[in-house]
Amino acid sequence: MKATRTIPVFDVGNVLIRWDPHCLYRKLIHDEAERNDFLTRICSGEWNLEMDRGKPFAQGVAERIALFPDKAELIRAFHERWVETLDGAVEGSVAILEELRAGGIPCYAITNFNHETFDIASRHFPFLDSFQGIIVSGREGILKPDQHIYELLCRRHGLAAADCLFIDDSAANVEGARAAGMRAHHFSKPETLRAELKAAGLPLA
């Protein structure tokens, strides 16, 4: 019987790097209720997903400003000061990634990320450029948890879905990976991830 391989496939946001628009908007909107309203009604998660699907940020911003002209400056900040939505690396997860690479384990990634801002993130976090292969939703026009994005990684890089262990902080994205035939880990903290990867036979301390 063929031994099961385990190929780690990482999400990026809030698994390897911390992303939270509140990091920026706490500086711009001091009232918590007003800030929450802005980030749920004006520059919402659903709106941001349009950019993750590949819409140019300039277009997305212009469309929002047309709807909410009194919030134009705050809306522009989402794009112009996007780097301030980042809150550093998830150090424990990055340590796992680097250990796997040092042990000769090929690592892959699938991320919902705008192609423009992914390039910015990669300049700040160089480890994002050293995956064996990565699917960035904004480059492909497809988002997790659509089953096709997981299949695209496998097809493009010659992987068997059953060999892949997908890691994501979103339960919906984890279920999407499982529907595509991958094993999956619902990420909460690096220590739990490390334990699961070790149990899968990967060379981690």
N, C-alpha and C. Protein backbone atom coordinates (compact mmCIF):
# COMPACT_ATOMS: atom_id res chain seq x y z
N MET A 1 0.85 -1.20 0.00
CA MET A 1 0.00 0.00 0.00
C MET A 1 0.88 1.25 0.00
N LYS A 2 0.52 2.21 -0.82
CA LYS A 2 1.29 3.44 -0.92
C LYS A 2 1.16 4.26 0.37
N ALA A 3 2.29 4.72 0.90
CA ALA A 3 2.27 5.55 2.11
C ALA A 3 1.65 6.91 1.78
N THR A 4 0.87 7.40 2.76
CA THR A 4 0.22 8.70 2.58
C THR A 4 1.25 9.81 2.71
N ARG A 5 1.31 10.69 1.74
CA ARG A 5 2.13 11.90 1.83
C ARG A 5 1.31 12.97 2.53
N THR A 6 2.01 13.92 3.11
CA THR A 6 1.32 15.08 3.65
C THR A 6 1.98 16.33 3.10
N ILE A 7 1.22 17.07 2.32
CA ILE A 7 1.70 18.30 1.69
C ILE A 7 0.97 19.46 2.35
N PRO A 8 1.66 20.30 3.12
CA PRO A 8 1.00 21.43 3.76
C PRO A 8 0.60 22.50 2.74
N VAL A 9 -0.63 22.97 2.88
CA VAL A 9 -1.15 24.04 2.03
C VAL A 9 -1.70 25.12 2.97
N PHE A 10 -1.04 26.27 3.00
CA PHE A 10 -1.35 27.32 3.96
C PHE A 10 -2.29 28.36 3.38
N ASP A 11 -3.20 28.86 4.21
CA ASP A 11 -3.82 30.16 4.00
C ASP A 11 -2.79 31.20 4.43
N VAL A 12 -3.00 32.46 4.07
CA VAL A 12 -2.07 33.53 4.45
C VAL A 12 -2.63 34.42 5.55
N GLY A 13 -3.76 35.09 5.26
CA GLY A 13 -4.29 36.05 6.22
C GLY A 13 -4.77 35.41 7.51
N ASN A 14 -4.21 35.85 8.62
CA ASN A 14 -4.53 35.39 9.96
C ASN A 14 -4.14 33.93 10.22
N VAL A 15 -3.30 33.41 9.35
CA VAL A 15 -2.58 32.16 9.61
C VAL A 15 -1.09 32.45 9.64
N LEU A 16 -0.61 33.18 8.64
CA LEU A 16 0.82 33.54 8.56
C LEU A 16 1.07 35.02 8.83
N ILE A 17 0.15 35.88 8.41
CA ILE A 17 0.25 37.31 8.73
C ILE A 17 -1.10 37.77 9.27
N ARG A 18 -1.03 38.71 10.22
CA ARG A 18 -2.26 39.24 10.82
C ARG A 18 -2.80 40.38 9.96
N TRP A 19 -4.09 40.26 9.60
CA TRP A 19 -4.76 41.30 8.82
C TRP A 19 -6.05 41.68 9.50
N ASP A 20 -6.24 42.97 9.74
CA ASP A 20 -7.45 43.45 10.39
C ASP A 20 -7.61 44.93 10.06
N PRO A 21 -8.65 45.30 9.30
CA PRO A 21 -8.82 46.72 8.95
C PRO A 21 -8.99 47.63 10.16
N HIS A 22 -9.40 47.06 11.29
CA HIS A 22 -9.50 47.88 12.50
C HIS A 22 -8.14 48.45 12.90
N CYS A 23 -7.05 47.78 12.53
CA CYS A 23 -5.71 48.30 12.86
C CYS A 23 -5.51 49.69 12.26
N LEU A 24 -6.02 49.89 11.06
CA LEU A 24 -5.95 51.20 10.42
C LEU A 24 -7.02 52.14 10.96
N TYR A 25 -8.26 51.65 11.02
CA TYR A 25 -9.36 52.56 11.29
C TYR A 25 -9.50 52.98 12.75
N ARG A 26 -8.80 52.30 13.64
CA ARG A 26 -8.73 52.82 15.01
C ARG A 26 -8.02 54.17 15.04
N LYS A 27 -7.14 54.39 14.08
CA LYS A 27 -6.42 55.67 13.99
C LYS A 27 -7.29 56.76 13.37
N LEU A 28 -8.27 56.37 12.57
CA LEU A 28 -9.03 57.32 11.77
C LEU A 28 -10.43 57.58 12.32
N ILE A 29 -11.00 56.58 12.97
CA ILE A 29 -12.36 56.72 13.54
C ILE A 29 -12.27 56.29 15.00
N HIS A 30 -12.24 57.23 15.89
CA HIS A 30 -11.99 56.91 17.30
C HIS A 30 -13.21 56.33 18.00
N ASP A 31 -14.39 56.70 17.54
CA ASP A 31 -15.61 56.16 18.15
C ASP A 31 -15.83 54.73 17.67
N GLU A 32 -15.92 53.79 18.60
CA GLU A 32 -16.00 52.37 18.23
C GLU A 32 -17.26 52.05 17.44
N ALA A 33 -18.39 52.59 17.84
CA ALA A 33 -19.64 52.30 17.13
C ALA A 33 -19.59 52.84 15.71
N GLU A 34 -19.05 54.04 15.56
CA GLU A 34 -18.92 54.64 14.22
C GLU A 34 -17.96 53.83 13.36
N ARG A 35 -16.86 53.39 13.96
CA ARG A 35 -15.88 52.58 13.23
C ARG A 35 -16.48 51.25 12.79
N ASN A 36 -17.21 50.60 13.69
CA ASN A 36 -17.83 49.32 13.34
C ASN A 36 -18.86 49.50 12.23
N ASP A 37 -19.60 50.62 12.28
CA ASP A 37 -20.58 50.89 11.23
C ASP A 37 -19.89 51.07 9.88
N PHE A 38 -18.79 51.81 9.87
CA PHE A 38 -18.05 52.03 8.62
C PHE A 38 -17.56 50.72 8.03
N LEU A 39 -17.06 49.83 8.89
CA LEU A 39 -16.45 48.59 8.39
C LEU A 39 -17.46 47.46 8.18
N THR A 40 -18.71 47.70 8.52
CA THR A 40 -19.74 46.72 8.21
C THR A 40 -20.70 47.20 7.13
N ARG A 41 -20.84 48.52 6.98
CA ARG A 41 -21.81 49.08 6.04
C ARG A 41 -21.16 49.70 4.81
N ILE A 42 -19.97 50.28 4.97
CA ILE A 42 -19.36 51.04 3.86
C ILE A 42 -18.19 50.26 3.26
N CYS A 43 -17.14 50.07 4.01
CA CYS A 43 -16.03 49.22 3.54
C CYS A 43 -16.13 47.87 4.25
N SER A 44 -17.11 47.11 3.84
CA SER A 44 -17.45 45.86 4.51
C SER A 44 -16.56 44.70 4.05
N GLY A 45 -16.67 43.60 4.75
CA GLY A 45 -15.97 42.40 4.33
C GLY A 45 -16.41 41.93 2.96
N GLU A 46 -17.70 42.05 2.68
CA GLU A 46 -18.22 41.64 1.36
C GLU A 46 -17.63 42.51 0.26
N TRP A 47 -17.52 43.80 0.51
CA TRP A 47 -16.92 44.72 -0.45
C TRP A 47 -15.45 44.36 -0.68
N ASN A 48 -14.72 44.08 0.40
CA ASN A 48 -13.31 43.73 0.27
C ASN A 48 -13.13 42.45 -0.53
N LEU A 49 -14.08 41.52 -0.41
CA LEU A 49 -13.99 40.28 -1.19
C LEU A 49 -14.05 40.53 -2.69
N GLU A 50 -14.71 41.63 -3.11
CA GLU A 50 -14.71 41.96 -4.54
C GLU A 50 -13.29 42.20 -5.04
N MET A 51 -12.47 42.84 -4.21
CA MET A 51 -11.07 43.05 -4.58
C MET A 51 -10.29 41.75 -4.51
N ASP A 52 -10.61 40.92 -3.52
CA ASP A 52 -9.96 39.61 -3.43
C ASP A 52 -10.27 38.76 -4.66
N ARG A 53 -11.42 39.02 -5.28
CA ARG A 53 -11.79 38.28 -6.49
C ARG A 53 -11.09 38.84 -7.72
N GLY A 54 -10.47 40.02 -7.59
CA GLY A 54 -9.69 40.56 -8.69
C GLY A 54 -10.07 41.94 -9.16
N LYS A 55 -11.13 42.53 -8.59
CA LYS A 55 -11.49 43.90 -8.98
C LYS A 55 -10.35 44.83 -8.58
N PRO A 56 -9.89 45.73 -9.47
CA PRO A 56 -8.85 46.68 -9.09
C PRO A 56 -9.32 47.54 -7.91
N PHE A 57 -8.41 47.79 -6.97
CA PHE A 57 -8.76 48.55 -5.79
C PHE A 57 -9.28 49.94 -6.17
N ALA A 58 -8.67 50.57 -7.17
CA ALA A 58 -9.10 51.91 -7.56
C ALA A 58 -10.56 51.91 -7.99
N GLN A 59 -10.98 50.87 -8.68
CA GLN A 59 -12.38 50.76 -9.11
C GLN A 59 -13.30 50.56 -7.92
N GLY A 60 -12.91 49.65 -7.02
CA GLY A 60 -13.72 49.40 -5.84
C GLY A 60 -13.89 50.63 -4.98
N VAL A 61 -12.81 51.39 -4.82
CA VAL A 61 -12.85 52.63 -4.04
C VAL A 61 -13.75 53.65 -4.72
N ALA A 62 -13.62 53.83 -6.02
CA ALA A 62 -14.44 54.80 -6.75
C ALA A 62 -15.93 54.47 -6.64
N GLU A 63 -16.25 53.20 -6.71
CA GLU A 63 -17.66 52.79 -6.60
C GLU A 63 -18.22 53.10 -5.21
N ARG A 64 -17.43 52.88 -4.18
CA ARG A 64 -17.88 53.19 -2.81
C ARG A 64 -18.03 54.70 -2.61
N ILE A 65 -17.09 55.46 -3.13
CA ILE A 65 -17.16 56.92 -2.98
C ILE A 65 -18.41 57.46 -3.68
N ALA A 66 -18.77 56.88 -4.82
CA ALA A 66 -19.98 57.31 -5.51
C ALA A 66 -21.23 57.10 -4.65
N LEU A 67 -21.21 56.05 -3.84
CA LEU A 67 -22.34 55.75 -2.97
C LEU A 67 -22.30 56.55 -1.66
N PHE A 68 -21.09 56.80 -1.17
CA PHE A 68 -20.91 57.47 0.12
C PHE A 68 -19.90 58.62 -0.02
N PRO A 69 -20.26 59.66 -0.78
CA PRO A 69 -19.29 60.73 -1.05
C PRO A 69 -18.80 61.44 0.21
N ASP A 70 -19.61 61.47 1.26
CA ASP A 70 -19.19 62.14 2.49
C ASP A 70 -18.10 61.37 3.23
N LYS A 71 -17.87 60.11 2.82
CA LYS A 71 -16.85 59.27 3.46
C LYS A 71 -15.66 59.05 2.53
N ALA A 72 -15.50 59.91 1.54
CA ALA A 72 -14.49 59.68 0.50
C ALA A 72 -13.09 59.50 1.08
N GLU A 73 -12.69 60.37 1.99
CA GLU A 73 -11.34 60.29 2.53
C GLU A 73 -11.11 58.99 3.28
N LEU A 74 -12.09 58.58 4.06
CA LEU A 74 -11.97 57.33 4.81
C LEU A 74 -11.94 56.12 3.87
N ILE A 75 -12.72 56.17 2.81
CA ILE A 75 -12.74 55.06 1.86
C ILE A 75 -11.40 54.97 1.13
N ARG A 76 -10.86 56.10 0.70
CA ARG A 76 -9.55 56.08 0.02
C ARG A 76 -8.46 55.50 0.91
N ALA A 77 -8.57 55.73 2.20
CA ALA A 77 -7.54 55.25 3.12
C ALA A 77 -7.44 53.73 3.09
N PHE A 78 -8.55 53.03 2.82
CA PHE A 78 -8.52 51.56 2.78
C PHE A 78 -7.50 51.09 1.75
N HIS A 79 -7.39 51.82 0.65
CA HIS A 79 -6.44 51.48 -0.39
C HIS A 79 -5.08 52.14 -0.15
N GLU A 80 -5.10 53.46 0.04
CA GLU A 80 -3.84 54.21 0.13
C GLU A 80 -3.03 53.85 1.36
N ARG A 81 -3.70 53.44 2.44
CA ARG A 81 -2.99 53.09 3.68
C ARG A 81 -3.22 51.62 4.03
N TRP A 82 -3.42 50.81 2.98
CA TRP A 82 -3.74 49.39 3.21
C TRP A 82 -2.68 48.70 4.07
N VAL A 83 -1.42 49.06 3.90
CA VAL A 83 -0.36 48.38 4.65
C VAL A 83 -0.58 48.50 6.15
N GLU A 84 -1.31 49.54 6.58
CA GLU A 84 -1.58 49.72 8.01
C GLU A 84 -2.67 48.79 8.53
N THR A 85 -3.29 48.01 7.64
CA THR A 85 -4.22 46.98 8.09
C THR A 85 -3.48 45.71 8.52
N LEU A 86 -2.19 45.65 8.25
CA LEU A 86 -1.36 44.51 8.65
C LEU A 86 -0.86 44.69 10.07
N ASP A 87 -0.80 43.60 10.81
CA ASP A 87 -0.39 43.66 12.21
C ASP A 87 0.71 42.64 12.50
N GLY A 88 1.62 42.49 11.56
CA GLY A 88 2.78 41.62 11.78
C GLY A 88 2.53 40.17 11.42
N ALA A 89 3.59 39.40 11.50
CA ALA A 89 3.52 37.96 11.21
C ALA A 89 2.97 37.20 12.40
N VAL A 90 2.34 36.07 12.11
CA VAL A 90 1.98 35.12 13.16
C VAL A 90 3.23 34.27 13.38
N GLU A 91 4.04 34.68 14.34
CA GLU A 91 5.41 34.16 14.45
C GLU A 91 5.46 32.63 14.58
N GLY A 92 4.56 32.06 15.37
CA GLY A 92 4.58 30.61 15.55
C GLY A 92 4.30 29.86 14.27
N SER A 93 3.41 30.39 13.46
CA SER A 93 3.09 29.74 12.17
C SER A 93 4.24 29.88 11.19
N VAL A 94 4.86 31.05 11.16
CA VAL A 94 6.00 31.25 10.27
C VAL A 94 7.15 30.34 10.68
N ALA A 95 7.34 30.13 11.98
CA ALA A 95 8.38 29.21 12.44
C ALA A 95 8.11 27.79 11.94
N ILE A 96 6.85 27.38 11.95
CA ILE A 96 6.49 26.06 11.42
C ILE A 96 6.81 25.98 9.93
N LEU A 97 6.40 27.01 9.20
CA LEU A 97 6.68 27.04 7.76
C LEU A 97 8.17 26.93 7.48
N GLU A 98 8.97 27.67 8.21
CA GLU A 98 10.43 27.64 7.98
C GLU A 98 11.02 26.29 8.37
N GLU A 99 10.51 25.67 9.42
CA GLU A 99 11.00 24.33 9.80
C GLU A 99 10.68 23.31 8.72
N LEU A 100 9.47 23.39 8.19
CA LEU A 100 9.10 22.45 7.13
C LEU A 100 10.00 22.62 5.91
N ARG A 101 10.23 23.85 5.53
CA ARG A 101 11.11 24.09 4.39
C ARG A 101 12.52 23.59 4.65
N ALA A 102 13.01 23.83 5.86
CA ALA A 102 14.36 23.37 6.22
C ALA A 102 14.44 21.85 6.18
N GLY A 103 13.30 21.19 6.43
CA GLY A 103 13.26 19.73 6.39
C GLY A 103 13.00 19.18 5.00
N GLY A 104 12.98 20.05 4.00
CA GLY A 104 12.79 19.61 2.62
C GLY A 104 11.36 19.33 2.23
N ILE A 105 10.40 19.83 3.02
CA ILE A 105 8.98 19.61 2.73
C ILE A 105 8.47 20.73 1.83
N PRO A 106 7.97 20.42 0.65
CA PRO A 106 7.41 21.47 -0.21
C PRO A 106 6.12 22.01 0.40
N CYS A 107 5.98 23.32 0.46
CA CYS A 107 4.81 23.97 1.04
C CYS A 107 4.12 24.83 -0.02
N TYR A 108 2.81 24.81 0.02
CA TYR A 108 1.99 25.54 -0.94
C TYR A 108 1.05 26.48 -0.19
N ALA A 109 0.32 27.31 -0.93
CA ALA A 109 -0.63 28.23 -0.31
C ALA A 109 -1.79 28.50 -1.25
N ILE A 110 -2.95 28.74 -0.64
CA ILE A 110 -4.14 29.23 -1.35
C ILE A 110 -4.66 30.38 -0.50
N THR A 111 -4.77 31.58 -1.08
CA THR A 111 -5.18 32.73 -0.30
C THR A 111 -6.20 33.58 -1.04
N ASN A 112 -7.21 34.02 -0.30
CA ASN A 112 -8.11 35.07 -0.80
C ASN A 112 -7.41 36.40 -0.57
N PHE A 113 -6.92 37.00 -1.65
CA PHE A 113 -6.08 38.19 -1.51
C PHE A 113 -6.12 38.94 -2.83
N ASN A 114 -6.29 40.25 -2.77
CA ASN A 114 -6.18 41.06 -3.98
C ASN A 114 -4.76 40.98 -4.53
N HIS A 115 -4.62 40.92 -5.84
CA HIS A 115 -3.29 40.75 -6.43
C HIS A 115 -2.39 41.95 -6.17
N GLU A 116 -2.98 43.16 -6.12
CA GLU A 116 -2.17 44.35 -5.88
C GLU A 116 -1.63 44.37 -4.45
N THR A 117 -2.51 44.12 -3.50
CA THR A 117 -2.09 44.18 -2.10
C THR A 117 -1.25 42.96 -1.71
N PHE A 118 -1.41 41.84 -2.43
CA PHE A 118 -0.53 40.70 -2.14
C PHE A 118 0.91 41.05 -2.47
N ASP A 119 1.12 41.80 -3.53
CA ASP A 119 2.48 42.23 -3.88
C ASP A 119 3.06 43.12 -2.79
N ILE A 120 2.23 43.97 -2.20
CA ILE A 120 2.68 44.82 -1.09
C ILE A 120 3.03 43.95 0.12
N ALA A 121 2.16 43.01 0.44
CA ALA A 121 2.42 42.13 1.59
C ALA A 121 3.70 41.34 1.40
N SER A 122 3.95 40.91 0.17
CA SER A 122 5.16 40.11 -0.10
C SER A 122 6.43 40.91 0.12
N ARG A 123 6.37 42.21 -0.13
CA ARG A 123 7.55 43.05 0.12
C ARG A 123 7.81 43.18 1.63
N HIS A 124 6.76 43.15 2.42
CA HIS A 124 6.92 43.26 3.87
C HIS A 124 7.22 41.91 4.53
N PHE A 125 6.76 40.83 3.90
CA PHE A 125 6.94 39.49 4.46
C PHE A 125 7.53 38.60 3.36
N PRO A 126 8.85 38.60 3.19
CA PRO A 126 9.48 37.89 2.07
C PRO A 126 9.19 36.40 2.03
N PHE A 127 8.82 35.80 3.16
CA PHE A 127 8.55 34.36 3.14
C PHE A 127 7.34 34.03 2.26
N LEU A 128 6.52 35.00 1.92
CA LEU A 128 5.37 34.75 1.06
C LEU A 128 5.78 34.45 -0.38
N ASP A 129 7.01 34.76 -0.74
CA ASP A 129 7.49 34.53 -2.11
C ASP A 129 8.19 33.18 -2.28
N SER A 130 8.27 32.40 -1.21
CA SER A 130 9.08 31.19 -1.32
C SER A 130 8.27 29.90 -1.21
N PHE A 131 6.96 29.96 -1.50
CA PHE A 131 6.18 28.73 -1.58
C PHE A 131 6.53 27.98 -2.86
N GLN A 132 6.37 26.68 -2.79
CA GLN A 132 6.55 25.86 -3.99
C GLN A 132 5.53 26.26 -5.06
N GLY A 133 4.36 26.67 -4.59
CA GLY A 133 3.33 27.16 -5.48
C GLY A 133 2.27 27.86 -4.66
N ILE A 134 1.64 28.88 -5.22
CA ILE A 134 0.62 29.64 -4.51
C ILE A 134 -0.49 30.05 -5.47
N ILE A 135 -1.72 29.94 -4.99
CA ILE A 135 -2.88 30.43 -5.72
C ILE A 135 -3.39 31.67 -4.99
N VAL A 136 -3.33 32.82 -5.67
CA VAL A 136 -3.83 34.08 -5.13
C VAL A 136 -5.15 34.38 -5.83
N SER A 137 -6.22 34.46 -5.06
CA SER A 137 -7.56 34.58 -5.66
C SER A 137 -7.67 35.74 -6.64
N GLY A 138 -7.08 36.88 -6.31
CA GLY A 138 -7.19 38.05 -7.16
C GLY A 138 -6.54 37.89 -8.52
N ARG A 139 -5.59 36.97 -8.61
CA ARG A 139 -4.95 36.69 -9.90
C ARG A 139 -5.79 35.74 -10.74
N GLU A 140 -6.62 34.93 -10.07
CA GLU A 140 -7.35 33.86 -10.75
C GLU A 140 -8.82 34.17 -10.96
N GLY A 141 -9.35 35.17 -10.23
CA GLY A 141 -10.77 35.49 -10.35
C GLY A 141 -11.68 34.48 -9.69
N ILE A 142 -11.20 33.83 -8.65
CA ILE A 142 -11.97 32.80 -7.95
C ILE A 142 -11.60 32.83 -6.48
N LEU A 143 -12.59 32.63 -5.62
CA LEU A 143 -12.41 32.75 -4.17
C LEU A 143 -12.64 31.42 -3.46
N LYS A 144 -11.91 31.21 -2.38
CA LYS A 144 -12.32 30.17 -1.43
C LYS A 144 -13.66 30.59 -0.83
N PRO A 145 -14.58 29.70 -0.55
CA PRO A 145 -14.41 28.24 -0.55
C PRO A 145 -14.86 27.53 -1.82
N ASP A 146 -14.89 28.22 -2.96
CA ASP A 146 -15.23 27.56 -4.22
C ASP A 146 -14.29 26.39 -4.44
N GLN A 147 -14.87 25.24 -4.66
CA GLN A 147 -14.09 24.01 -4.80
C GLN A 147 -13.04 24.12 -5.90
N HIS A 148 -13.32 24.92 -6.92
CA HIS A 148 -12.41 25.00 -8.06
C HIS A 148 -11.05 25.60 -7.70
N ILE A 149 -10.99 26.42 -6.66
CA ILE A 149 -9.69 27.04 -6.34
C ILE A 149 -8.72 26.01 -5.76
N TYR A 150 -9.26 25.04 -5.02
CA TYR A 150 -8.42 23.97 -4.48
C TYR A 150 -7.99 23.02 -5.60
N GLU A 151 -8.93 22.76 -6.50
CA GLU A 151 -8.61 21.90 -7.64
C GLU A 151 -7.57 22.55 -8.54
N LEU A 152 -7.62 23.88 -8.64
CA LEU A 152 -6.65 24.60 -9.47
C LEU A 152 -5.23 24.40 -8.93
N LEU A 153 -5.06 24.50 -7.61
CA LEU A 153 -3.73 24.27 -7.03
C LEU A 153 -3.22 22.88 -7.40
N CYS A 154 -4.08 21.88 -7.24
CA CYS A 154 -3.65 20.50 -7.52
C CYS A 154 -3.32 20.31 -8.99
N ARG A 155 -4.15 20.83 -9.85
CA ARG A 155 -3.94 20.65 -11.30
C ARG A 155 -2.67 21.37 -11.75
N ARG A 156 -2.49 22.58 -11.26
CA ARG A 156 -1.35 23.39 -11.71
C ARG A 156 -0.03 22.81 -11.23
N HIS A 157 -0.02 22.16 -10.06
CA HIS A 157 1.25 21.71 -9.47
C HIS A 157 1.35 20.20 -9.37
N GLY A 158 0.43 19.49 -10.01
CA GLY A 158 0.52 18.03 -10.06
C GLY A 158 0.38 17.37 -8.71
N LEU A 159 -0.52 17.87 -7.88
CA LEU A 159 -0.72 17.34 -6.53
C LEU A 159 -1.98 16.47 -6.49
N ALA A 160 -1.97 15.47 -5.64
CA ALA A 160 -3.17 14.71 -5.33
C ALA A 160 -3.87 15.38 -4.15
N ALA A 161 -5.15 15.66 -4.29
CA ALA A 161 -5.87 16.35 -3.22
C ALA A 161 -5.76 15.62 -1.90
N ALA A 162 -5.80 14.28 -1.93
CA ALA A 162 -5.76 13.49 -0.70
C ALA A 162 -4.43 13.65 0.05
N ASP A 163 -3.39 14.06 -0.66
CA ASP A 163 -2.09 14.26 -0.01
C ASP A 163 -2.00 15.62 0.69
N CYS A 164 -2.90 16.54 0.35
CA CYS A 164 -2.80 17.91 0.85
C CYS A 164 -3.47 18.06 2.20
N LEU A 165 -2.81 18.79 3.08
CA LEU A 165 -3.40 19.18 4.36
C LEU A 165 -3.52 20.69 4.34
N PHE A 166 -4.75 21.16 4.16
CA PHE A 166 -5.03 22.58 4.01
C PHE A 166 -5.25 23.21 5.38
N ILE A 167 -4.71 24.43 5.56
CA ILE A 167 -4.72 25.11 6.86
C ILE A 167 -5.36 26.48 6.67
N ASP A 168 -6.46 26.75 7.37
CA ASP A 168 -7.16 28.02 7.20
C ASP A 168 -7.89 28.38 8.49
N ASP A 169 -8.01 29.68 8.77
CA ASP A 169 -8.73 30.12 9.96
C ASP A 169 -10.23 30.21 9.73
N SER A 170 -10.69 30.05 8.49
CA SER A 170 -12.11 30.12 8.16
C SER A 170 -12.70 28.72 8.07
N ALA A 171 -13.75 28.47 8.85
CA ALA A 171 -14.40 27.16 8.82
C ALA A 171 -14.98 26.86 7.44
N ALA A 172 -15.53 27.89 6.77
CA ALA A 172 -16.09 27.68 5.44
C ALA A 172 -15.01 27.26 4.45
N ASN A 173 -13.83 27.87 4.53
CA ASN A 173 -12.74 27.53 3.62
C ASN A 173 -12.21 26.13 3.90
N VAL A 174 -12.19 25.75 5.16
CA VAL A 174 -11.79 24.39 5.54
C VAL A 174 -12.76 23.37 4.94
N GLU A 175 -14.05 23.66 5.03
CA GLU A 175 -15.04 22.73 4.46
C GLU A 175 -14.93 22.69 2.94
N GLY A 176 -14.62 23.82 2.32
CA GLY A 176 -14.40 23.83 0.88
C GLY A 176 -13.26 22.92 0.47
N ALA A 177 -12.18 22.95 1.24
CA ALA A 177 -11.02 22.09 0.95
C ALA A 177 -11.40 20.62 1.09
N ARG A 178 -12.15 20.32 2.13
CA ARG A 178 -12.57 18.92 2.33
C ARG A 178 -13.48 18.45 1.21
N ALA A 179 -14.34 19.34 0.73
CA ALA A 179 -15.22 18.98 -0.38
C ALA A 179 -14.41 18.69 -1.64
N ALA A 180 -13.22 19.31 -1.74
CA ALA A 180 -12.34 19.09 -2.89
C ALA A 180 -11.44 17.88 -2.68
N GLY A 181 -11.58 17.19 -1.57
CA GLY A 181 -10.83 15.96 -1.33
C GLY A 181 -9.59 16.10 -0.49
N MET A 182 -9.33 17.31 0.03
CA MET A 182 -8.16 17.54 0.88
C MET A 182 -8.48 17.23 2.33
N ARG A 183 -7.47 16.89 3.09
CA ARG A 183 -7.56 16.96 4.54
C ARG A 183 -7.44 18.44 4.92
N ALA A 184 -7.94 18.80 6.09
CA ALA A 184 -7.92 20.22 6.43
C ALA A 184 -7.84 20.42 7.94
N HIS A 185 -7.21 21.52 8.31
CA HIS A 185 -7.04 21.93 9.70
C HIS A 185 -7.63 23.31 9.89
N HIS A 186 -8.59 23.43 10.80
CA HIS A 186 -9.18 24.73 11.12
C HIS A 186 -8.26 25.43 12.11
N PHE A 187 -7.52 26.41 11.61
CA PHE A 187 -6.45 27.04 12.39
C PHE A 187 -7.03 27.92 13.50
N SER A 188 -6.44 27.76 14.69
CA SER A 188 -6.76 28.65 15.80
C SER A 188 -5.48 29.21 16.42
N LYS A 189 -4.45 28.36 16.56
CA LYS A 189 -3.18 28.80 17.11
C LYS A 189 -2.06 27.90 16.60
N PRO A 190 -0.84 28.43 16.55
CA PRO A 190 0.27 27.66 15.99
C PRO A 190 0.55 26.35 16.73
N GLU A 191 0.36 26.34 18.03
CA GLU A 191 0.67 25.13 18.81
C GLU A 191 -0.20 23.96 18.38
N THR A 192 -1.47 24.20 18.14
CA THR A 192 -2.37 23.13 17.70
C THR A 192 -2.02 22.68 16.29
N LEU A 193 -1.68 23.64 15.44
CA LEU A 193 -1.25 23.29 14.08
C LEU A 193 0.00 22.44 14.12
N ARG A 194 0.96 22.83 14.92
CA ARG A 194 2.21 22.06 15.02
C ARG A 194 1.92 20.61 15.43
N ALA A 195 1.04 20.44 16.40
CA ALA A 195 0.71 19.10 16.87
C ALA A 195 0.07 18.26 15.77
N GLU A 196 -0.82 18.86 15.00
CA GLU A 196 -1.47 18.11 13.92
C GLU A 196 -0.49 17.75 12.82
N LEU A 197 0.38 18.67 12.47
CA LEU A 197 1.37 18.37 11.43
C LEU A 197 2.35 17.29 11.87
N LYS A 198 2.74 17.33 13.12
CA LYS A 198 3.61 16.28 13.65
C LYS A 198 2.90 14.92 13.62
N ALA A 199 1.63 14.93 14.00
CA ALA A 199 0.86 13.68 13.98
C ALA A 199 0.72 13.13 12.57
N ALA A 200 0.79 14.02 11.59
CA ALA A 200 0.73 13.59 10.19
C ALA A 200 2.07 13.11 9.67
N GLY A 201 3.10 13.14 10.53
CA GLY A 201 4.40 12.60 10.16
C GLY A 201 5.39 13.60 9.62
N LEU A 202 5.08 14.89 9.72
CA LEU A 202 6.00 15.90 9.20
C LEU A 202 7.11 16.20 10.21
N PRO A 203 8.30 16.56 9.71
CA PRO A 203 9.49 16.68 10.58
C PRO A 203 9.51 18.03 11.33
N LEU A 204 8.82 18.06 12.46
CA LEU A 204 8.77 19.25 13.30
C LEU A 204 9.19 18.89 14.71
N ALA A 205 9.83 19.84 15.37
CA ALA A 205 10.29 19.62 16.76
C ALA A 205 9.10 19.55 17.69
